[in-house]
Amino acid sequence: MRLTINGEQRDSAALTLAALLEAEGLATARVATALNGQFVAAALRAQTPLSPGDAVEIVAPMQGG
């Protein structure tokens, strides 16, 4: 299905947010996620379904000063 991931349209076969992170090589990464502008906690990713046209944001924490 066609998704927008971090602003870029891409095709994915992932059916859940957790499956998308796994497909992107981020299954064990410490990241924050949002689906269609709504924060999704890590504990809920496996049960969060994806639909064609969804917008997913995946953000890694950054250290700064």
Protein backbone atom coordinates (compact mmCIF):
# COMPACT_ATOMS: atom_id res chain seq x y z
CA MET A 1 0.00 0.00 0.00
CA ARG A 2 1.05 3.59 -0.49
CA LEU A 3 2.06 5.45 2.71
CA THR A 4 3.71 8.76 3.43
CA ILE A 5 6.69 8.07 5.68
CA ASN A 6 8.44 11.14 7.07
CA GLY A 7 7.00 13.21 4.23
CA GLU A 8 8.03 10.80 1.46
CA GLN A 9 5.48 8.65 -0.38
CA ARG A 10 6.50 5.01 -0.43
CA ASP A 11 4.99 1.58 -0.94
CA SER A 12 4.92 -0.89 1.93
CA ALA A 13 3.39 -4.29 2.58
CA ALA A 14 3.32 -3.65 6.36
CA LEU A 15 -0.11 -4.00 7.94
CA THR A 16 0.77 -2.51 11.34
CA LEU A 17 3.00 0.25 12.60
CA ALA A 18 5.27 -2.33 14.27
CA ALA A 19 5.59 -4.26 11.00
CA LEU A 20 6.52 -1.04 9.19
CA LEU A 21 9.27 -0.30 11.71
CA GLU A 22 10.58 -3.84 11.26
CA ALA A 23 10.54 -3.48 7.47
CA GLU A 24 12.44 -0.20 7.79
CA GLY A 25 15.09 -1.83 10.00
CA LEU A 26 13.92 0.08 13.07
CA ALA A 27 12.25 -2.69 15.08
CA THR A 28 14.65 -2.32 18.01
CA ALA A 29 15.44 1.37 17.58
CA ARG A 30 14.36 3.92 20.16
CA VAL A 31 12.07 6.11 18.11
CA ALA A 32 8.87 8.09 18.54
CA THR A 33 6.04 7.40 16.13
CA ALA A 34 2.95 9.22 14.96
CA LEU A 35 0.18 8.06 12.66
CA ASN A 36 -1.79 10.76 10.86
CA GLY A 37 -0.54 13.33 13.34
CA GLN A 38 -1.38 11.33 16.47
CA PHE A 39 1.37 10.01 18.76
CA VAL A 40 1.47 6.20 18.98
CA ALA A 41 3.14 4.73 22.07
CA ALA A 42 5.60 1.89 21.53
CA ALA A 43 3.32 -0.53 23.40
CA LEU A 44 0.51 0.12 20.90
CA ARG A 45 2.44 -0.18 17.62
CA ALA A 46 1.77 -3.90 17.10
CA GLN A 47 -1.97 -3.32 17.32
CA THR A 48 -2.03 -0.10 15.28
CA PRO A 49 -3.20 -0.94 11.74
CA LEU A 50 -2.06 0.95 8.68
CA SER A 51 -4.32 1.94 5.80
CA PRO A 52 -3.51 3.19 2.31
CA GLY A 53 -2.77 6.91 2.37
CA ASP A 54 -1.72 7.01 6.04
CA ALA A 55 0.99 9.44 7.07
CA VAL A 56 3.61 7.98 9.42
CA GLU A 57 6.27 9.99 11.21
CA ILE A 58 9.27 8.18 12.71
CA VAL A 59 11.54 10.39 14.79
CA ALA A 60 14.75 9.44 16.57
CA PRO A 61 15.68 11.41 19.67
CA MET A 62 18.58 13.81 19.26
CA GLN A 63 21.00 15.17 21.79
CA GLY A 64 21.65 18.82 21.62
CA GLY A 65 22.99 21.72 23.50
